[in-house]
Amino acid sequence: MSEAALARVERWYGAALAAPLRAFVLAHGGREIGAVRLYPADEIVERNETYETRDYCPGYLTVGDDGGGRAVVVHAALTPPTVFVVGHGSMSKADFVAVGSGLQAWIEGGCAVD
């Protein structure tokens, strides 16, 4: 199911996701770590459409949220590899706040969003 859901994400996005991002979603999607809920593959398209990520943050995907009004976003090609948070009401790259230098380090640090 997750591979099929990831294929739907890639069709919606219009390009392949970076291999480490695909692995991240498969391994951690649906989990809550710290204050963050990481979206399972079958929720990613709906969440990104709801938050209009593609319109306001081209190239990026919302992969989770902090339950307090902020989205967790990464570039789908992981260029840059940085993990960011941004308010759902201001989905603009100008408002991104870096919270991790990469997905693995961010997960190992407990998904800190401050």
Protein backbone atom coordinates (compact mmCIF):
# COMPACT_ATOMS: atom_id res chain seq x y z
CA MET A 1 0.00 0.00 0.00
CA SER A 2 2.70 2.55 0.89
CA GLU A 3 4.64 2.04 -2.35
CA ALA A 4 1.41 2.53 -4.32
CA ALA A 5 0.60 5.62 -2.23
CA LEU A 6 4.10 6.99 -2.84
CA ALA A 7 3.62 6.43 -6.56
CA ARG A 8 0.42 8.52 -6.31
CA VAL A 9 2.39 11.25 -4.50
CA GLU A 10 4.98 11.27 -7.27
CA ARG A 11 2.29 11.45 -9.98
CA TRP A 12 0.63 14.34 -8.16
CA TYR A 13 3.97 16.06 -7.56
CA GLY A 14 5.08 15.49 -11.16
CA ALA A 15 8.51 14.03 -10.38
CA ALA A 16 10.19 11.29 -8.40
CA LEU A 17 10.88 11.92 -4.74
CA ALA A 18 14.45 11.62 -3.53
CA ALA A 19 15.21 8.04 -2.47
CA PRO A 20 15.97 9.06 1.15
CA LEU A 21 12.62 10.90 1.33
CA ARG A 22 10.77 7.84 0.02
CA ALA A 23 12.53 5.67 2.61
CA PHE A 24 11.73 8.21 5.33
CA VAL A 25 8.00 8.18 4.52
CA LEU A 26 7.92 4.38 4.39
CA ALA A 27 9.76 4.03 7.70
CA HIS A 28 8.21 6.88 9.69
CA GLY A 29 4.94 7.91 8.04
CA GLY A 30 2.03 7.68 10.45
CA ARG A 31 4.27 7.98 13.53
CA GLU A 32 4.26 10.66 16.17
CA ILE A 33 7.71 11.64 17.36
CA GLY A 34 7.92 14.38 19.96
CA ALA A 35 5.35 17.01 19.00
CA VAL A 36 5.36 16.01 15.33
CA ARG A 37 2.94 13.79 13.44
CA LEU A 38 4.56 12.44 10.28
CA TYR A 39 2.06 11.78 7.52
CA PRO A 40 1.68 8.31 6.04
CA ALA A 41 2.08 8.17 2.27
CA ASP A 42 -1.66 7.92 1.68
CA GLU A 43 -2.27 11.31 3.39
CA ILE A 44 0.50 13.35 1.77
CA VAL A 45 -1.38 14.46 -1.36
CA GLU A 46 -4.48 15.50 0.59
CA ARG A 47 -2.43 17.43 3.18
CA ASN A 48 -0.40 19.20 0.50
CA GLU A 49 -3.54 20.13 -1.42
CA THR A 50 -5.19 21.42 1.76
CA TYR A 51 -2.19 23.59 2.65
CA GLU A 52 -1.57 24.52 -1.01
CA THR A 53 2.08 23.61 -0.62
CA ARG A 54 2.63 23.18 -4.35
CA ASP A 55 1.29 26.68 -5.03
CA TYR A 56 3.08 28.55 -2.25
CA CYS A 57 6.23 26.44 -1.84
CA PRO A 58 7.02 24.97 -5.27
CA GLY A 59 9.36 21.99 -5.03
CA TYR A 60 8.52 21.29 -1.38
CA LEU A 61 6.26 18.74 0.30
CA THR A 62 4.52 18.91 3.63
CA VAL A 63 5.45 15.65 5.38
CA GLY A 64 4.04 16.32 8.84
CA ASP A 65 2.85 18.91 11.31
CA ASP A 66 3.48 19.95 14.88
CA GLY A 67 -0.17 19.95 15.96
CA GLY A 68 0.17 23.65 16.68
CA GLY A 69 -0.42 25.18 13.28
CA ARG A 70 2.94 24.55 11.63
CA ALA A 71 3.77 22.26 8.74
CA VAL A 72 6.97 20.25 8.45
CA VAL A 73 8.29 20.67 4.90
CA VAL A 74 11.20 19.34 2.89
CA HIS A 75 12.26 19.76 -0.71
CA ALA A 76 11.05 16.69 -2.59
CA ALA A 77 14.49 16.25 -4.18
CA LEU A 78 16.14 17.05 -0.82
CA THR A 79 17.99 19.97 -2.39
CA PRO A 80 18.48 21.47 0.13
CA PRO A 81 18.29 18.52 2.53
CA THR A 82 17.09 20.81 5.33
CA VAL A 83 13.91 20.12 7.30
CA PHE A 84 11.80 23.24 7.84
CA VAL A 85 8.68 24.27 9.73
CA VAL A 86 6.34 26.98 8.47
CA GLY A 87 2.98 28.27 9.66
CA HIS A 88 -0.01 26.84 7.80
CA GLY A 89 -1.26 30.40 7.31
CA SER A 90 1.99 31.61 5.75
CA MET A 91 3.13 28.79 3.49
CA SER A 92 5.97 30.80 1.97
CA LYS A 93 9.65 29.91 1.68
CA ALA A 94 10.39 33.34 3.15
CA ASP A 95 8.80 32.15 6.41
CA PHE A 96 10.58 28.77 6.63
CA VAL A 97 12.45 28.05 9.86
CA ALA A 98 15.18 25.40 9.63
CA VAL A 99 14.83 22.71 12.31
CA GLY A 100 17.14 20.02 10.95
CA SER A 101 20.06 19.69 8.57
CA GLY A 102 18.65 16.46 7.12
CA LEU A 103 15.90 13.92 7.69
CA GLN A 104 17.99 11.32 9.51
CA ALA A 105 19.60 13.80 11.89
CA TRP A 106 16.23 15.41 12.54
CA ILE A 107 14.62 12.04 13.38
CA GLU A 108 17.55 11.08 15.60
CA GLY A 109 17.13 14.41 17.42
CA GLY A 110 13.50 13.60 18.25
CA CYS A 111 11.91 15.75 15.51
CA ALA A 112 12.57 19.02 17.30
CA VAL A 113 10.60 21.94 15.87
CA ASP A 114 12.14 24.79 17.89
